[in-house]
Amino acid sequence: MKTSGNLILILVVLAGVAVLQFYQGRRLNVALMKHYVHGFESKLKIRDQLYTWIGGYAGFKADYDINDNYIKKVEMTLTMLPRQSLFWLPFSYPVKRGDRLYIVLRPRFEVNADAHIVKNFYYLFGPAISEAKDLTKGKVDFSSANGFYSLYEDEGDVKKLRKLVEASMDPKRLRHAAVIKETNVLFLLIKPDPFKTADEVKNLVANFSKYFSKESEIS
C-alpha cells in the first residue's frame, strides 16, 4: 500500500509539472512566433502576406509578396521545439537541434548556379539534394565559423554564396545555404535568433542580387 501511495504521489507531481510546462512552454512559443512575425513585417516591404500556423504552437509558414526590384517573394517556415511538452522536449532536441527557420527567396532574375554550403554532420542521413551526384564536393570556412562543406558546379558560385552569407548574417547559426538553378531560388536553413533574424532576412533580400544577378556578373 505504501509503494502504491508513493507511486500515486509521483504521478500527481509529474502531472502537475507537465501542466505547468505546457502553459509556460506554450506561452514562450507563442511569444517567440509573434516576435518573429512583428520583426519580419517591420523589416520587409510587404505587399501581401499569408500565414499558415503549424500545429498551434509548433511554428508557422509565412509567404510574403514584397516590393523589391530583385526579389518577388520571401517564403519562410519556422519550426519550434515543443517547449509545451515536458516529456517530448528532451527527445526532440537531438532530432530538431533547436528551433529552425527555412528561408526561400524567389528572385525576379534567373539563377544560373547550383551551389550548397552545408554544416558538417547536421543532417543525420545527408541533405536531400537531387543533383548531388553531379556536383563537386569541397570544404568551406567562414571568418567567424568553420566546419562546413560545399557542393558545386562552379567553385566561383560557392565563393559568392559564402560572401552573401557573411554579408547578411552570423554564419555560426547557418545550417545550409544554397542557390538552386532548377527551382530558381536562394534557400537557407538557419537557427533563428529573435533579436537578429529579421534584420538578417532583410540583408539577404538586399544582398542576393549583388552576388547572383546578371548585373553582378557584368560588374
Protein backbone atom coordinates (compact mmCIF):
# COMPACT_ATOMS: atom_id res chain seq x y z
CA MET A 1 0.00 0.00 0.00
CA LYS A 2 2.86 2.36 0.84
CA THR A 3 4.50 1.69 -2.53
CA SER A 4 1.22 2.28 -4.29
CA GLY A 5 0.72 5.54 -2.40
CA ASN A 6 4.22 6.75 -3.33
CA LEU A 7 3.59 5.90 -6.97
CA ILE A 8 0.36 7.86 -6.98
CA LEU A 9 2.14 10.82 -5.39
CA ILE A 10 4.88 10.71 -8.05
CA LEU A 11 2.29 10.57 -10.82
CA VAL A 12 0.40 13.52 -9.35
CA VAL A 13 3.61 15.57 -9.09
CA LEU A 14 4.61 14.69 -12.66
CA ALA A 15 1.17 15.60 -13.92
CA GLY A 16 1.38 18.95 -12.16
CA VAL A 17 4.82 19.68 -13.58
CA ALA A 18 3.64 18.64 -17.06
CA VAL A 19 0.65 21.00 -16.87
CA LEU A 20 2.90 23.85 -15.70
CA GLN A 21 5.37 23.10 -18.50
CA PHE A 22 2.53 23.07 -21.03
CA TYR A 23 1.33 26.55 -20.17
CA GLN A 24 4.80 28.06 -19.80
CA GLY A 25 6.16 26.40 -22.94
CA ARG A 26 3.09 27.33 -24.96
CA ARG A 27 3.33 30.93 -23.79
CA LEU A 28 7.02 31.10 -24.75
CA ASN A 29 6.49 29.62 -28.23
CA VAL A 30 3.56 31.94 -28.95
CA ALA A 31 5.57 34.94 -27.74
CA LEU A 32 8.51 33.98 -29.95
CA MET A 33 6.29 33.49 -33.01
CA LYS A 34 4.65 36.88 -32.51
CA HIS A 35 8.07 38.46 -32.09
CA TYR A 36 9.37 36.94 -35.33
CA VAL A 37 6.25 37.96 -37.27
CA HIS A 38 6.46 41.53 -35.99
CA GLY A 39 10.15 41.66 -36.93
CA PHE A 40 9.59 40.36 -40.46
CA GLU A 41 6.69 42.71 -41.07
CA SER A 42 8.66 45.71 -39.84
CA LYS A 43 11.80 44.95 -41.87
CA LEU A 44 10.38 43.78 -45.22
CA LYS A 45 8.42 45.87 -47.72
CA ILE A 46 5.43 43.55 -47.84
CA ARG A 47 2.65 43.98 -50.40
CA ASP A 48 0.71 40.85 -49.49
CA GLN A 49 1.12 38.19 -46.84
CA LEU A 50 -0.22 34.79 -45.93
CA TYR A 51 0.39 32.89 -42.68
CA THR A 52 -0.23 29.23 -42.01
CA TRP A 53 0.09 28.14 -38.40
CA ILE A 54 1.66 24.73 -37.81
CA GLY A 55 0.01 22.74 -35.06
CA GLY A 56 -0.86 25.78 -32.96
CA TYR A 57 2.44 26.11 -31.07
CA ALA A 58 4.92 24.31 -33.34
CA GLY A 59 5.60 27.21 -35.72
CA PHE A 60 4.25 28.85 -38.85
CA LYS A 61 4.70 29.33 -42.58
CA ALA A 62 4.89 32.87 -43.95
CA ASP A 63 4.52 33.81 -47.61
CA TYR A 64 5.37 37.42 -48.41
CA ASP A 65 4.98 39.18 -51.74
CA ILE A 66 7.40 42.05 -51.36
CA ASN A 67 8.02 45.36 -53.08
CA ASP A 68 11.58 44.90 -54.31
CA ASN A 69 13.28 45.32 -57.68
CA TYR A 70 15.04 41.97 -57.50
CA ILE A 71 13.07 39.71 -55.10
CA LYS A 72 9.40 38.97 -55.67
CA LYS A 73 8.66 36.54 -52.82
CA VAL A 74 10.05 35.56 -49.45
CA GLU A 75 8.83 32.26 -48.05
CA MET A 76 9.72 31.13 -44.53
CA THR A 77 8.88 28.18 -42.33
CA LEU A 78 9.63 28.34 -38.63
CA THR A 79 9.61 25.06 -36.70
CA MET A 80 10.00 25.26 -32.95
CA LEU A 81 10.93 22.94 -30.14
CA PRO A 82 7.87 21.53 -28.33
CA ARG A 83 8.53 23.58 -25.22
CA GLN A 84 4.98 22.86 -24.07
CA SER A 85 5.68 19.12 -23.79
CA LEU A 86 7.69 18.10 -20.73
CA PHE A 87 8.15 14.53 -21.89
CA TRP A 88 8.80 15.07 -25.62
CA LEU A 89 11.12 18.08 -25.31
CA PRO A 90 14.25 16.15 -24.18
CA PHE A 91 13.89 13.73 -27.11
CA SER A 92 13.09 16.34 -29.75
CA TYR A 93 16.18 18.47 -29.19
CA PRO A 94 18.69 15.90 -30.51
CA VAL A 95 16.46 15.42 -33.58
CA LYS A 96 15.50 19.02 -34.34
CA ARG A 97 18.61 20.60 -32.76
CA GLY A 98 16.75 23.70 -31.69
CA ASP A 99 14.33 25.99 -33.47
CA ARG A 100 14.76 26.06 -37.25
CA LEU A 101 13.95 28.67 -39.86
CA TYR A 102 13.75 27.70 -43.53
CA ILE A 103 14.11 30.71 -45.85
CA VAL A 104 13.39 30.76 -49.57
CA LEU A 105 13.92 33.85 -51.72
CA ARG A 106 12.33 33.83 -55.19
CA PRO A 107 14.11 36.40 -57.36
CA ARG A 108 12.87 38.24 -60.42
CA PHE A 109 16.15 37.39 -62.16
CA GLU A 110 17.38 33.99 -63.31
CA VAL A 111 19.74 32.00 -61.08
CA ASN A 112 22.38 30.25 -63.15
CA ALA A 113 24.15 28.40 -60.35
CA ASP A 114 23.99 25.23 -58.31
CA ALA A 115 25.95 25.59 -55.09
CA HIS A 116 25.48 24.45 -51.50
CA ILE A 117 27.20 25.18 -48.20
CA VAL A 118 26.24 22.65 -45.53
CA LYS A 119 27.14 22.34 -41.85
CA ASN A 120 29.14 19.19 -41.20
CA PHE A 121 27.11 16.38 -39.60
CA TYR A 122 23.93 18.48 -39.37
CA TYR A 123 21.84 16.08 -41.45
CA LEU A 124 21.67 12.58 -39.99
CA PHE A 125 21.44 10.99 -43.44
CA GLY A 126 22.86 13.81 -45.52
CA PRO A 127 20.94 16.62 -47.26
CA ALA A 128 18.29 15.72 -49.81
CA ILE A 129 19.98 17.24 -52.85
CA SER A 130 18.75 15.63 -56.06
CA GLU A 131 21.68 16.88 -58.14
CA ALA A 132 24.36 15.97 -55.56
CA LYS A 133 25.87 13.23 -57.71
CA ASP A 134 26.69 15.80 -60.40
CA LEU A 135 28.33 18.27 -58.02
CA THR A 136 31.90 18.58 -56.75
CA LYS A 137 32.48 18.40 -53.00
CA GLY A 138 34.77 20.82 -51.19
CA LYS A 139 35.42 22.48 -47.84
CA VAL A 140 34.24 25.91 -46.71
CA ASP A 141 35.23 28.03 -43.72
CA PHE A 142 33.93 31.45 -42.74
CA SER A 143 35.99 34.06 -40.95
CA SER A 144 33.87 33.55 -37.81
CA ALA A 145 32.81 29.90 -38.23
CA ASN A 146 34.16 26.68 -39.64
CA GLY A 147 33.05 23.10 -40.12
CA PHE A 148 31.17 23.36 -43.43
CA TYR A 149 31.40 21.55 -46.75
CA SER A 150 30.36 22.66 -50.21
CA LEU A 151 28.74 21.09 -53.27
CA TYR A 152 29.03 22.95 -56.55
CA GLU A 153 29.28 23.01 -60.32
CA ASP A 154 31.47 26.11 -60.38
CA GLU A 155 33.66 26.90 -57.37
CA GLY A 156 33.11 30.59 -58.01
CA ASP A 157 29.44 30.17 -57.08
CA VAL A 158 30.43 28.80 -53.68
CA LYS A 159 32.65 31.82 -53.12
CA LYS A 160 29.76 34.15 -53.96
CA LEU A 161 27.39 32.19 -51.69
CA ARG A 162 29.94 32.38 -48.88
CA LYS A 163 30.26 36.15 -49.32
CA LEU A 164 26.47 36.53 -49.37
CA VAL A 165 26.13 34.66 -46.07
CA GLU A 166 28.93 36.64 -44.41
CA ALA A 167 27.44 39.94 -45.62
CA SER A 168 23.96 39.06 -44.37
CA MET A 169 24.08 37.01 -41.16
CA ASP A 170 26.10 35.27 -38.48
CA PRO A 171 27.49 32.10 -40.11
CA LYS A 172 27.62 30.36 -36.73
CA ARG A 173 23.85 29.85 -37.00
CA LEU A 174 23.89 28.68 -40.61
CA ARG A 175 22.96 25.06 -41.25
CA HIS A 176 22.51 25.02 -45.04
CA ALA A 177 22.66 27.67 -47.76
CA ALA A 178 22.08 27.04 -51.44
CA VAL A 179 21.41 28.60 -54.80
CA ILE A 180 19.44 26.18 -56.97
CA LYS A 181 19.17 26.60 -60.71
CA GLU A 182 16.28 24.18 -61.25
CA THR A 183 13.89 25.94 -58.87
CA ASN A 184 15.47 29.40 -59.27
CA VAL A 185 15.76 30.13 -55.55
CA LEU A 186 18.07 31.01 -52.72
CA PHE A 187 17.50 28.59 -49.84
CA LEU A 188 18.76 28.82 -46.27
CA LEU A 189 18.23 26.79 -43.15
CA ILE A 190 19.34 28.63 -40.02
CA LYS A 191 18.99 28.58 -36.27
CA PRO A 192 16.91 31.74 -35.75
CA ASP A 193 17.72 34.43 -33.22
CA PRO A 194 14.78 36.55 -32.03
CA PHE A 195 16.99 39.64 -31.89
CA LYS A 196 18.85 39.24 -35.19
CA THR A 197 16.92 37.15 -37.69
CA ALA A 198 14.53 39.81 -39.02
CA ASP A 199 17.50 42.02 -39.93
CA GLU A 200 19.28 39.04 -41.45
CA VAL A 201 16.34 38.26 -43.75
CA LYS A 202 16.26 41.93 -44.75
CA ASN A 203 20.00 41.74 -45.50
CA LEU A 204 19.55 38.61 -47.63
CA VAL A 205 16.89 40.37 -49.71
CA ALA A 206 19.15 43.39 -50.16
CA ASN A 207 22.32 41.42 -50.93
CA PHE A 208 21.20 38.45 -53.04
CA SER A 209 21.13 40.35 -56.34
CA LYS A 210 24.59 41.83 -55.66
CA TYR A 211 26.14 38.39 -55.98
CA PHE A 212 23.87 36.38 -58.28
CA SER A 213 22.07 38.67 -60.75
CA LYS A 214 23.34 39.28 -64.29
CA GLU A 215 24.22 42.84 -63.29
CA SER A 216 26.57 41.48 -60.62
CA GLU A 217 28.30 39.25 -63.19
CA ILE A 218 28.85 42.22 -65.50
CA SER A 219 30.24 44.43 -62.74
